[in-house]
Amino acid sequence: MTVALETVGLGRRYLINWGLRNCSLKVPEGSIAGLVGPNGAGKSTLIRLAAGMSKPSEGTVSVFGERVNPNSAAFLARVGYLDQLRPIYKHLRVQEMLEWSERLNASWDMASATQWLVNLEIPLDWKISLLSTGQQAQVALAVCMGKSSDLLLLDEPMASLDPLARQGVTQMLLDSVADKGTTVLLSSHIVSELEPICDYLIILSKSRVQVSAPTEYLLADHHVLVGPHESQSFDSVNVISSKFAGRQATLLVQGDPGTLGPDWQIMSPDLQEIVLAYLAKPSAEQFVPSVEMSDLNEGELS
C-alpha cells in the first residue's frame, strides 16, 4: 500500500486543551477517506495540520513520504485544502478569482473549474459577495479542485450545499479519483453522505482516533446479533454496543461470532450503525485494528 497521508503520535494543544492527541493513521493513495466525529472531536485540527495551516505540538504528519512543509513549493503544488470557513476574496468577481488562482498554481485547470461553475449556473461576472452562501461554497470548492492536486483535504465540503449540488460534488470527487488517482480526505457530520463514496473511514472522538480502517473491512467484520437475553456468551468477539428490550438482545459485535444457536439471527450493519456505536462507547474501549488496503486485495475477506 502506498501512503498519501501518514500521522504518527500527532497532537495539537491549544493552551491547556488538546484539539488532537496521539493520532496515528495512514490514508492510502488513491482512496477517498471519510473523517467523522462529533463537534470538537479534532476533525478540523487534523485537516489543518495535514495542510500545514497549524504546527503540531507533538508527533509528525507526512504527505507522500515527506514531512509537511507549508513553505515548500512542491508541497503546495501537491495539496489542495478547503477550509470549512471558505476563505475567498469576496470583493473579486468569480472570473477574477479563477484568474488569480491560475496565476498562483502551475497545474491549474481553468477549463474544468470554469465548466463546473457554468454548469451550476453561477455567473462568472458577479462579485462573490453577491452570491448565496451555497454558491460561494461552490466557488471555493472550484478553486480547490482547479489546482489538480494529488491530495485534497476538504473540511465539511458539502455543509452549505443543496442536495443536487451535493450529488454533483460526490460525482466530481469520484471522477477525480478515477481519472487522476487523486487522494481525498473529507470530513462530514453526515455518515450517509460518505458511505457511497468512501473506501476508508476514520472516526475521531474526544480528540483521539477511535477507528482507522477500510470501509469494506469494517462492514465485513461487524455483525448485528439478535437473540434471547442471557442465553449466549460471546468470548470470541468484541461487543461494541448492546441494547435490550424485554428478553431480546441486539448486539453490534466485531469479529466472527461463529455458529450461534437457532434462536439467534446474524445481520449486516450499515456504516452509520457502526459509527454511532463506536462514538457512544467510552474512548478507552474503542478500538479497531488498522487494516491495510492491500490486505483486502489479497483476499482476507473471502
C-alpha atoms as a PDB file:
ATOM      1  CA  MET A   1       0.000   0.000   0.000  1.00  0.00           C
ATOM      2  CA  THR A   2       1.313   3.433  -0.983  1.00  0.00           C
ATOM      3  CA  VAL A   3       0.517   6.012   1.698  1.00  0.00           C
ATOM      4  CA  ALA A   4      -0.648   9.505   0.772  1.00  0.00           C
ATOM      5  CA  LEU A   5      -1.050  10.847   4.318  1.00  0.00           C
ATOM      6  CA  GLU A   6       0.528   9.471   7.486  1.00  0.00           C
ATOM      7  CA  THR A   7       0.470  10.727  11.062  1.00  0.00           C
ATOM      8  CA  VAL A   8       2.460   9.310  13.968  1.00  0.00           C
ATOM      9  CA  GLY A   9       1.565  10.339  17.516  1.00  0.00           C
ATOM     10  CA  LEU A  10       0.233  13.605  16.115  1.00  0.00           C
ATOM     11  CA  GLY A  11      -1.155  16.137  18.555  1.00  0.00           C
ATOM     12  CA  ARG A  12      -2.115  19.785  18.718  1.00  0.00           C
ATOM     13  CA  ARG A  13      -2.634  21.624  22.003  1.00  0.00           C
ATOM     14  CA  TYR A  14      -4.500  24.902  22.412  1.00  0.00           C
ATOM     15  CA  LEU A  15      -3.382  26.394  25.742  1.00  0.00           C
ATOM     16  CA  ILE A  16      -4.410  23.698  28.266  1.00  0.00           C
ATOM     17  CA  ASN A  17      -6.739  21.749  25.943  1.00  0.00           C
ATOM     18  CA  TRP A  18      -5.826  19.243  23.257  1.00  0.00           C
ATOM     19  CA  GLY A  19      -7.558  19.607  19.908  1.00  0.00           C
ATOM     20  CA  LEU A  20      -5.961  16.345  18.766  1.00  0.00           C
ATOM     21  CA  ARG A  21      -3.915  13.807  20.706  1.00  0.00           C
ATOM     22  CA  ASN A  22      -1.875  10.701  19.896  1.00  0.00           C
ATOM     23  CA  CYS A  23      -3.221  10.480  16.339  1.00  0.00           C
ATOM     24  CA  SER A  24      -1.591   7.724  14.268  1.00  0.00           C
ATOM     25  CA  LEU A  25      -3.094   6.719  10.931  1.00  0.00           C
ATOM     26  CA  LYS A  26      -2.388   6.077   7.264  1.00  0.00           C
ATOM     27  CA  VAL A  27      -4.547   7.169   4.337  1.00  0.00           C
ATOM     28  CA  PRO A  28      -3.921   5.016   1.238  1.00  0.00           C
ATOM     29  CA  GLU A  29      -3.065   6.775  -2.012  1.00  0.00           C
ATOM     30  CA  GLY A  30      -5.961   6.923  -4.458  1.00  0.00           C
ATOM     31  CA  SER A  31      -8.613   6.473  -1.763  1.00  0.00           C
ATOM     32  CA  ILE A  32     -11.471   8.652  -0.589  1.00  0.00           C
ATOM     33  CA  ALA A  33     -11.180   8.703   3.192  1.00  0.00           C
ATOM     34  CA  GLY A  34     -14.089   9.911   5.294  1.00  0.00           C
ATOM     35  CA  LEU A  35     -13.399  11.682   8.578  1.00  0.00           C
ATOM     36  CA  VAL A  36     -16.295  11.601  11.051  1.00  0.00           C
ATOM     37  CA  GLY A  37     -16.867  12.564  14.649  1.00  0.00           C
ATOM     38  CA  PRO A  38     -18.868  14.949  16.832  1.00  0.00           C
ATOM     39  CA  ASN A  39     -18.175  18.668  17.125  1.00  0.00           C
ATOM     40  CA  GLY A  40     -14.872  19.277  18.871  1.00  0.00           C
ATOM     41  CA  ALA A  41     -13.545  15.794  18.082  1.00  0.00           C
ATOM     42  CA  GLY A  42     -10.489  17.138  16.219  1.00  0.00           C
ATOM     43  CA  LYS A  43     -11.535  16.760  12.573  1.00  0.00           C
ATOM     44  CA  SER A  44     -10.683  20.310  11.510  1.00  0.00           C
ATOM     45  CA  THR A  45      -7.498  20.219  13.582  1.00  0.00           C
ATOM     46  CA  LEU A  46      -6.303  17.082  11.792  1.00  0.00           C
ATOM     47  CA  ILE A  47      -7.052  18.541   8.363  1.00  0.00           C
ATOM     48  CA  ARG A  48      -5.332  21.847   9.200  1.00  0.00           C
ATOM     49  CA  LEU A  49      -2.231  20.006  10.416  1.00  0.00           C
ATOM     50  CA  ALA A  50      -2.138  17.939   7.218  1.00  0.00           C
ATOM     51  CA  ALA A  51      -2.499  21.117   5.170  1.00  0.00           C
ATOM     52  CA  GLY A  52       0.327  22.848   7.034  1.00  0.00           C
ATOM     53  CA  MET A  53      -2.005  25.517   8.402  1.00  0.00           C
ATOM     54  CA  SER A  54      -1.088  24.581  12.003  1.00  0.00           C
ATOM     55  CA  LYS A  55       2.073  23.224  13.598  1.00  0.00           C
ATOM     56  CA  PRO A  56       1.979  20.013  15.647  1.00  0.00           C
ATOM     57  CA  SER A  57       2.514  20.212  19.401  1.00  0.00           C
ATOM     58  CA  GLU A  58       3.719  16.612  19.261  1.00  0.00           C
ATOM     59  CA  GLY A  59       4.230  13.872  16.704  1.00  0.00           C
ATOM     60  CA  THR A  60       4.615  14.100  12.929  1.00  0.00           C
ATOM     61  CA  VAL A  61       2.478  14.390   9.805  1.00  0.00           C
ATOM     62  CA  SER A  62       3.750  13.423   6.346  1.00  0.00           C
ATOM     63  CA  VAL A  63       2.352  13.703   2.822  1.00  0.00           C
ATOM     64  CA  PHE A  64       3.601  11.225   0.209  1.00  0.00           C
ATOM     65  CA  GLY A  65       6.502  10.286   2.459  1.00  0.00           C
ATOM     66  CA  GLU A  66       7.673  13.864   3.164  1.00  0.00           C
ATOM     67  CA  ARG A  67       7.119  15.862   6.343  1.00  0.00           C
ATOM     68  CA  VAL A  68       4.560  18.621   5.834  1.00  0.00           C
ATOM     69  CA  ASN A  69       6.317  21.867   4.920  1.00  0.00           C
ATOM     70  CA  PRO A  70       3.867  24.674   4.099  1.00  0.00           C
ATOM     71  CA  ASN A  71       6.707  26.796   2.692  1.00  0.00           C
ATOM     72  CA  SER A  72       7.700  24.148   0.156  1.00  0.00           C
ATOM     73  CA  ALA A  73       6.618  24.775  -3.432  1.00  0.00           C
ATOM     74  CA  ALA A  74       6.477  21.021  -4.017  1.00  0.00           C
ATOM     75  CA  PHE A  75       4.138  20.525  -1.055  1.00  0.00           C
ATOM     76  CA  LEU A  76       1.849  23.382  -2.091  1.00  0.00           C
ATOM     77  CA  ALA A  77       1.637  22.005  -5.617  1.00  0.00           C
ATOM     78  CA  ARG A  78       0.508  18.554  -4.455  1.00  0.00           C
ATOM     79  CA  VAL A  79      -2.037  19.532  -1.792  1.00  0.00           C
ATOM     80  CA  GLY A  80      -5.402  21.239  -2.146  1.00  0.00           C
ATOM     81  CA  TYR A  81      -7.122  22.491   1.010  1.00  0.00           C
ATOM     82  CA  LEU A  82     -10.695  23.666   1.561  1.00  0.00           C
ATOM     83  CA  ASP A  83     -11.308  25.273   4.951  1.00  0.00           C
ATOM     84  CA  GLN A  84     -14.763  24.987   6.489  1.00  0.00           C
ATOM     85  CA  LEU A  85     -14.933  28.821   6.630  1.00  0.00           C
ATOM     86  CA  ARG A  86     -14.458  29.060   2.822  1.00  0.00           C
ATOM     87  CA  PRO A  87     -11.875  31.909   2.810  1.00  0.00           C
ATOM     88  CA  ILE A  88     -12.170  33.537  -0.624  1.00  0.00           C
ATOM     89  CA  TYR A  89     -11.792  37.119  -1.764  1.00  0.00           C
ATOM     90  CA  LYS A  90     -15.396  38.279  -1.793  1.00  0.00           C
ATOM     91  CA  HIS A  91     -14.618  41.666  -3.350  1.00  0.00           C
ATOM     92  CA  LEU A  92     -13.466  39.901  -6.535  1.00  0.00           C
ATOM     93  CA  ARG A  93     -15.684  38.734  -9.340  1.00  0.00           C
ATOM     94  CA  VAL A  94     -15.878  34.973  -9.852  1.00  0.00           C
ATOM     95  CA  GLN A  95     -13.853  35.137 -13.081  1.00  0.00           C
ATOM     96  CA  GLU A  96     -11.200  37.264 -11.365  1.00  0.00           C
ATOM     97  CA  MET A  97     -10.938  34.694  -8.580  1.00  0.00           C
ATOM     98  CA  LEU A  98     -10.320  31.968 -11.141  1.00  0.00           C
ATOM     99  CA  GLU A  99      -7.724  34.067 -12.958  1.00  0.00           C
ATOM    100  CA  TRP A 100      -5.820  34.821  -9.756  1.00  0.00           C
ATOM    101  CA  SER A 101      -5.866  31.116  -8.927  1.00  0.00           C
ATOM    102  CA  GLU A 102      -4.418  30.337 -12.350  1.00  0.00           C
ATOM    103  CA  ARG A 103      -1.528  32.758 -11.761  1.00  0.00           C
ATOM    104  CA  LEU A 104      -0.708  31.123  -8.428  1.00  0.00           C
ATOM    105  CA  ASN A 105      -0.922  27.475  -9.483  1.00  0.00           C
ATOM    106  CA  ALA A 106       1.213  25.980 -12.231  1.00  0.00           C
ATOM    107  CA  SER A 107      -1.073  22.959 -12.638  1.00  0.00           C
ATOM    108  CA  TRP A 108      -4.275  24.997 -12.703  1.00  0.00           C
ATOM    109  CA  ASP A 109      -7.111  23.523 -14.790  1.00  0.00           C
ATOM    110  CA  MET A 110      -9.074  26.585 -15.882  1.00  0.00           C
ATOM    111  CA  ALA A 111     -11.372  24.645 -18.223  1.00  0.00           C
ATOM    112  CA  SER A 112     -12.591  22.264 -15.506  1.00  0.00           C
ATOM    113  CA  ALA A 113     -13.026  24.957 -12.839  1.00  0.00           C
ATOM    114  CA  THR A 114     -14.920  27.233 -15.234  1.00  0.00           C
ATOM    115  CA  GLN A 115     -17.129  24.473 -16.592  1.00  0.00           C
ATOM    116  CA  TRP A 116     -18.051  23.343 -13.098  1.00  0.00           C
ATOM    117  CA  LEU A 117     -19.317  26.815 -12.180  1.00  0.00           C
ATOM    118  CA  VAL A 118     -21.061  27.291 -15.543  1.00  0.00           C
ATOM    119  CA  ASN A 119     -22.903  24.007 -15.055  1.00  0.00           C
ATOM    120  CA  LEU A 120     -24.078  25.298 -11.682  1.00  0.00           C
ATOM    121  CA  GLU A 121     -25.293  28.499 -13.362  1.00  0.00           C
ATOM    122  CA  ILE A 122     -23.053  30.671 -11.193  1.00  0.00           C
ATOM    123  CA  PRO A 123     -22.490  33.999 -13.009  1.00  0.00           C
ATOM    124  CA  LEU A 124     -18.768  34.439 -13.637  1.00  0.00           C
ATOM    125  CA  ASP A 125     -19.113  38.237 -13.844  1.00  0.00           C
ATOM    126  CA  TRP A 126     -20.759  38.609 -10.433  1.00  0.00           C
ATOM    127  CA  LYS A 127     -18.893  39.702  -7.336  1.00  0.00           C
ATOM    128  CA  ILE A 128     -18.515  36.797  -4.953  1.00  0.00           C
ATOM    129  CA  SER A 129     -20.081  38.853  -2.152  1.00  0.00           C
ATOM    130  CA  LEU A 130     -23.365  38.916  -4.095  1.00  0.00           C
ATOM    131  CA  LEU A 131     -23.601  35.152  -4.326  1.00  0.00           C
ATOM    132  CA  SER A 132     -25.544  32.991  -1.900  1.00  0.00           C
ATOM    133  CA  THR A 133     -23.717  31.079   0.819  1.00  0.00           C
ATOM    134  CA  GLY A 134     -24.052  27.869  -1.163  1.00  0.00           C
ATOM    135  CA  GLN A 135     -22.759  29.499  -4.357  1.00  0.00           C
ATOM    136  CA  GLN A 136     -19.767  30.950  -2.504  1.00  0.00           C
ATOM    137  CA  ALA A 137     -19.015  27.453  -1.206  1.00  0.00           C
ATOM    138  CA  GLN A 138     -19.091  26.164  -4.775  1.00  0.00           C
ATOM    139  CA  VAL A 139     -16.635  28.847  -5.901  1.00  0.00           C
ATOM    140  CA  ALA A 140     -14.276  27.922  -3.057  1.00  0.00           C
ATOM    141  CA  LEU A 141     -14.568  24.239  -3.991  1.00  0.00           C
ATOM    142  CA  ALA A 142     -13.935  25.015  -7.675  1.00  0.00           C
ATOM    143  CA  VAL A 143     -10.751  26.885  -6.706  1.00  0.00           C
ATOM    144  CA  CYS A 144      -9.613  23.912  -4.616  1.00  0.00           C
ATOM    145  CA  MET A 145     -10.408  21.354  -7.320  1.00  0.00           C
ATOM    146  CA  GLY A 146      -8.889  23.527 -10.059  1.00  0.00           C
ATOM    147  CA  LYS A 147      -5.432  23.080  -8.557  1.00  0.00           C
ATOM    148  CA  SER A 148      -5.426  19.473  -9.828  1.00  0.00           C
ATOM    149  CA  SER A 149      -3.746  18.421  -6.582  1.00  0.00           C
ATOM    150  CA  ASP A 150      -2.640  14.885  -5.725  1.00  0.00           C
ATOM    151  CA  LEU A 151      -4.184  15.186  -2.236  1.00  0.00           C
ATOM    152  CA  LEU A 152      -7.401  17.035  -1.443  1.00  0.00           C
ATOM    153  CA  LEU A 153      -8.106  17.999   2.174  1.00  0.00           C
ATOM    154  CA  LEU A 154     -11.745  19.039   2.404  1.00  0.00           C
ATOM    155  CA  ASP A 155     -13.269  20.257   5.669  1.00  0.00           C
ATOM    156  CA  GLU A 156     -17.074  19.873   5.509  1.00  0.00           C
ATOM    157  CA  PRO A 157     -17.157  20.469   1.710  1.00  0.00           C
ATOM    158  CA  MET A 158     -20.907  19.830   1.424  1.00  0.00           C
ATOM    159  CA  ALA A 159     -22.117  21.657   4.523  1.00  0.00           C
ATOM    160  CA  SER A 160     -23.710  24.607   2.665  1.00  0.00           C
ATOM    161  CA  LEU A 161     -24.868  22.776  -0.451  1.00  0.00           C
ATOM    162  CA  ASP A 162     -28.333  21.715  -1.568  1.00  0.00           C
ATOM    163  CA  PRO A 163     -28.971  18.013  -2.326  1.00  0.00           C
ATOM    164  CA  LEU A 164     -28.423  18.392  -6.078  1.00  0.00           C
ATOM    165  CA  ALA A 165     -25.125  20.214  -5.565  1.00  0.00           C
ATOM    166  CA  ARG A 166     -24.013  17.555  -3.057  1.00  0.00           C
ATOM    167  CA  GLN A 167     -24.666  14.904  -5.671  1.00  0.00           C
ATOM    168  CA  GLY A 168     -22.550  16.866  -8.158  1.00  0.00           C
ATOM    169  CA  VAL A 169     -19.661  17.198  -5.703  1.00  0.00           C
ATOM    170  CA  THR A 170     -19.805  13.480  -4.966  1.00  0.00           C
ATOM    171  CA  GLN A 171     -19.567  12.644  -8.665  1.00  0.00           C
ATOM    172  CA  MET A 172     -16.756  15.160  -9.170  1.00  0.00           C
ATOM    173  CA  LEU A 173     -14.689  13.533  -6.409  1.00  0.00           C
ATOM    174  CA  LEU A 174     -15.296  10.049  -7.791  1.00  0.00           C
ATOM    175  CA  ASP A 175     -14.280  11.193 -11.277  1.00  0.00           C
ATOM    176  CA  SER A 176     -11.113  12.838  -9.961  1.00  0.00           C
ATOM    177  CA  VAL A 177     -10.048   9.663  -8.164  1.00  0.00           C
ATOM    178  CA  ALA A 178     -10.828   7.506 -11.198  1.00  0.00           C
ATOM    179  CA  ASP A 179      -9.187   9.789 -13.779  1.00  0.00           C
ATOM    180  CA  LYS A 180      -6.227  11.220 -11.865  1.00  0.00           C
ATOM    181  CA  GLY A 181      -5.700   8.893  -8.895  1.00  0.00           C
ATOM    182  CA  THR A 182      -6.399  11.774  -6.509  1.00  0.00           C
ATOM    183  CA  THR A 183      -6.447  11.019  -2.783  1.00  0.00           C
ATOM    184  CA  VAL A 184      -9.249  12.696  -0.838  1.00  0.00           C
ATOM    185  CA  LEU A 185      -9.687  13.244   2.893  1.00  0.00           C
ATOM    186  CA  LEU A 186     -13.016  14.868   3.679  1.00  0.00           C
ATOM    187  CA  SER A 187     -14.846  15.459   6.918  1.00  0.00           C
ATOM    188  CA  SER A 188     -18.598  15.316   7.381  1.00  0.00           C
ATOM    189  CA  HIS A 189     -21.209  15.024  10.097  1.00  0.00           C
ATOM    190  CA  ILE A 190     -23.468  13.034   7.782  1.00  0.00           C
ATOM    191  CA  VAL A 191     -22.330   9.432   7.505  1.00  0.00           C
ATOM    192  CA  SER A 192     -24.875   8.663   4.771  1.00  0.00           C
ATOM    193  CA  GLU A 193     -23.025  11.141   2.530  1.00  0.00           C
ATOM    194  CA  LEU A 194     -19.773   9.263   2.979  1.00  0.00           C
ATOM    195  CA  GLU A 195     -20.934   5.663   2.678  1.00  0.00           C
ATOM    196  CA  PRO A 196     -21.461   5.664  -1.136  1.00  0.00           C
ATOM    197  CA  ILE A 197     -18.064   7.194  -1.936  1.00  0.00           C
ATOM    198  CA  CYS A 198     -15.579   6.470   0.862  1.00  0.00           C
ATOM    199  CA  ASP A 199     -13.406   3.363   0.821  1.00  0.00           C
ATOM    200  CA  TYR A 200     -11.628   4.328   4.046  1.00  0.00           C
ATOM    201  CA  LEU A 201     -13.048   5.625   7.324  1.00  0.00           C
ATOM    202  CA  ILE A 202     -11.524   7.493  10.251  1.00  0.00           C
ATOM    203  CA  ILE A 203     -13.589   8.050  13.398  1.00  0.00           C
ATOM    204  CA  LEU A 204     -12.446  10.715  15.852  1.00  0.00           C
ATOM    205  CA  SER A 205     -13.873  11.174  19.324  1.00  0.00           C
ATOM    206  CA  LYS A 206     -12.627  13.303  22.204  1.00  0.00           C
ATOM    207  CA  SER A 207      -9.558  14.361  20.189  1.00  0.00           C
ATOM    208  CA  ARG A 208      -8.403  10.789  19.584  1.00  0.00           C
ATOM    209  CA  VAL A 209      -8.628   8.264  16.755  1.00  0.00           C
ATOM    210  CA  GLN A 210     -11.172   5.563  17.557  1.00  0.00           C
ATOM    211  CA  VAL A 211     -11.224   3.746  14.196  1.00  0.00           C
ATOM    212  CA  SER A 212      -8.999   3.884  11.117  1.00  0.00           C
ATOM    213  CA  ALA A 213      -9.739   1.172   8.560  1.00  0.00           C
ATOM    214  CA  PRO A 214     -11.118   0.418   5.089  1.00  0.00           C
ATOM    215  CA  THR A 215     -14.912   0.624   4.964  1.00  0.00           C
ATOM    216  CA  GLU A 216     -15.044  -2.793   3.265  1.00  0.00           C
ATOM    217  CA  TYR A 217     -13.244  -4.303   6.254  1.00  0.00           C
ATOM    218  CA  LEU A 218     -15.479  -2.535   8.770  1.00  0.00           C
ATOM    219  CA  LEU A 219     -18.668  -3.708   7.072  1.00  0.00           C
ATOM    220  CA  ALA A 220     -17.408  -7.280   6.692  1.00  0.00           C
ATOM    221  CA  ASP A 221     -16.005  -7.627  10.214  1.00  0.00           C
ATOM    222  CA  HIS A 222     -19.014  -6.251  12.113  1.00  0.00           C
ATOM    223  CA  HIS A 223     -22.295  -8.063  12.687  1.00  0.00           C
ATOM    224  CA  VAL A 224     -25.632  -7.361  14.323  1.00  0.00           C
ATOM    225  CA  LEU A 225     -26.774 -10.255  16.514  1.00  0.00           C
ATOM    226  CA  VAL A 226     -30.385 -10.513  17.660  1.00  0.00           C
ATOM    227  CA  GLY A 227     -31.475 -13.164  20.096  1.00  0.00           C
ATOM    228  CA  PRO A 228     -32.648 -14.006  23.611  1.00  0.00           C
ATOM    229  CA  HIS A 229     -31.074 -12.207  26.548  1.00  0.00           C
ATOM    230  CA  GLU A 230     -28.873 -14.225  28.951  1.00  0.00           C
ATOM    231  CA  SER A 231     -28.581 -17.292  26.760  1.00  0.00           C
ATOM    232  CA  GLN A 232     -25.290 -16.827  24.915  1.00  0.00           C
ATOM    233  CA  SER A 233     -21.685 -15.849  25.677  1.00  0.00           C
ATOM    234  CA  PHE A 234     -19.571 -14.023  23.087  1.00  0.00           C
ATOM    235  CA  ASP A 235     -15.977 -14.511  24.144  1.00  0.00           C
ATOM    236  CA  SER A 236     -14.718 -14.673  20.538  1.00  0.00           C
ATOM    237  CA  VAL A 237     -15.910 -11.196  19.547  1.00  0.00           C
ATOM    238  CA  ASN A 238     -15.638  -7.619  20.728  1.00  0.00           C
ATOM    239  CA  VAL A 239     -19.077  -6.336  21.747  1.00  0.00           C
ATOM    240  CA  ILE A 240     -19.291  -2.736  20.541  1.00  0.00           C
ATOM    241  CA  SER A 241     -22.844  -1.972  21.645  1.00  0.00           C
ATOM    242  CA  SER A 242     -25.749  -3.791  23.249  1.00  0.00           C
ATOM    243  CA  LYS A 243     -29.443  -2.997  23.553  1.00  0.00           C
ATOM    244  CA  PHE A 244     -32.082  -4.917  25.453  1.00  0.00           C
ATOM    245  CA  ALA A 245     -35.851  -4.919  25.057  1.00  0.00           C
ATOM    246  CA  GLY A 246     -37.554  -7.349  27.370  1.00  0.00           C
ATOM    247  CA  ARG A 247     -35.895 -10.715  26.781  1.00  0.00           C
ATOM    248  CA  GLN A 248     -34.428  -9.758  23.411  1.00  0.00           C
ATOM    249  CA  ALA A 249     -30.845  -8.588  22.993  1.00  0.00           C
ATOM    250  CA  THR A 250     -29.450  -6.708  19.993  1.00  0.00           C
ATOM    251  CA  LEU A 251     -25.653  -6.602  19.831  1.00  0.00           C
ATOM    252  CA  LEU A 252     -23.205  -4.996  17.425  1.00  0.00           C
ATOM    253  CA  VAL A 253     -20.009  -7.037  17.505  1.00  0.00           C
ATOM    254  CA  GLN A 254     -16.623  -7.009  15.818  1.00  0.00           C
ATOM    255  CA  GLY A 255     -15.210 -10.361  14.795  1.00  0.00           C
ATOM    256  CA  ASP A 256     -16.596 -13.727  13.763  1.00  0.00           C
ATOM    257  CA  PRO A 257     -19.357 -14.837  16.150  1.00  0.00           C
ATOM    258  CA  GLY A 258     -19.136 -18.400  14.816  1.00  0.00           C
ATOM    259  CA  THR A 259     -22.115 -20.731  14.934  1.00  0.00           C
ATOM    260  CA  LEU A 260     -24.919 -19.470  17.129  1.00  0.00           C
ATOM    261  CA  GLY A 261     -27.991 -21.182  18.427  1.00  0.00           C
ATOM    262  CA  PRO A 262     -31.209 -21.380  16.381  1.00  0.00           C
ATOM    263  CA  ASP A 263     -32.724 -18.500  18.356  1.00  0.00           C
ATOM    264  CA  TRP A 264     -30.103 -16.049  17.071  1.00  0.00           C
ATOM    265  CA  GLN A 265     -30.092 -14.000  13.891  1.00  0.00           C
ATOM    266  CA  ILE A 266     -26.950 -12.568  12.286  1.00  0.00           C
ATOM    267  CA  MET A 267     -27.396  -9.421  10.166  1.00  0.00           C
ATOM    268  CA  SER A 268     -25.120  -6.923   8.429  1.00  0.00           C
ATOM    269  CA  PRO A 269     -24.963  -3.372   9.820  1.00  0.00           C
ATOM    270  CA  ASP A 270     -24.636  -0.269   7.693  1.00  0.00           C
ATOM    271  CA  LEU A 271     -21.798   2.194   8.152  1.00  0.00           C
ATOM    272  CA  GLN A 272     -23.889   4.618  10.194  1.00  0.00           C
ATOM    273  CA  GLU A 273     -24.732   1.938  12.763  1.00  0.00           C
ATOM    274  CA  ILE A 274     -21.034   1.154  13.157  1.00  0.00           C
ATOM    275  CA  VAL A 275     -20.034   4.807  13.520  1.00  0.00           C
ATOM    276  CA  LEU A 276     -22.726   5.625  16.089  1.00  0.00           C
ATOM    277  CA  ALA A 277     -21.879   2.534  18.136  1.00  0.00           C
ATOM    278  CA  TYR A 278     -18.204   3.469  18.386  1.00  0.00           C
ATOM    279  CA  LEU A 279     -18.946   7.084  19.202  1.00  0.00           C
ATOM    280  CA  ALA A 280     -21.260   6.021  22.031  1.00  0.00           C
ATOM    281  CA  LYS A 281     -18.632   3.905  23.786  1.00  0.00           C
ATOM    282  CA  PRO A 282     -16.118   5.247  26.323  1.00  0.00           C
ATOM    283  CA  SER A 283     -12.972   6.235  24.422  1.00  0.00           C
ATOM    284  CA  ALA A 284     -10.762   3.793  26.312  1.00  0.00           C
ATOM    285  CA  GLU A 285     -12.809   0.882  24.970  1.00  0.00           C
ATOM    286  CA  GLN A 286     -12.955   1.924  21.326  1.00  0.00           C
ATOM    287  CA  PHE A 287     -10.512   0.216  19.043  1.00  0.00           C
ATOM    288  CA  VAL A 288     -10.429  -1.431  15.638  1.00  0.00           C
ATOM    289  CA  PRO A 289      -7.099  -2.794  14.384  1.00  0.00           C
ATOM    290  CA  SER A 290      -5.850  -0.776  11.422  1.00  0.00           C
ATOM    291  CA  VAL A 291      -6.020  -2.764   8.188  1.00  0.00           C
ATOM    292  CA  GLU A 292      -4.047  -2.102   5.013  1.00  0.00           C
ATOM    293  CA  MET A 293      -5.976  -1.697   1.768  1.00  0.00           C
ATOM    294  CA  SER A 294      -3.672  -4.267   0.199  1.00  0.00           C
ATOM    295  CA  ASP A 295      -4.878  -6.864   2.720  1.00  0.00           C
ATOM    296  CA  LEU A 296      -8.319  -6.708   1.175  1.00  0.00           C
ATOM    297  CA  ASN A 297      -6.934  -7.258  -2.291  1.00  0.00           C
ATOM    298  CA  GLU A 298      -5.170 -10.395  -1.059  1.00  0.00           C
ATOM    299  CA  GLY A 299      -8.487 -11.961  -0.145  1.00  0.00           C
ATOM    300  CA  GLU A 300      -8.591 -11.613   3.652  1.00  0.00           C
ATOM    301  CA  LEU A 301     -12.340 -11.166   3.482  1.00  0.00           C
ATOM    302  CA  SER A 302     -13.054 -14.029   1.141  1.00  0.00           C
END
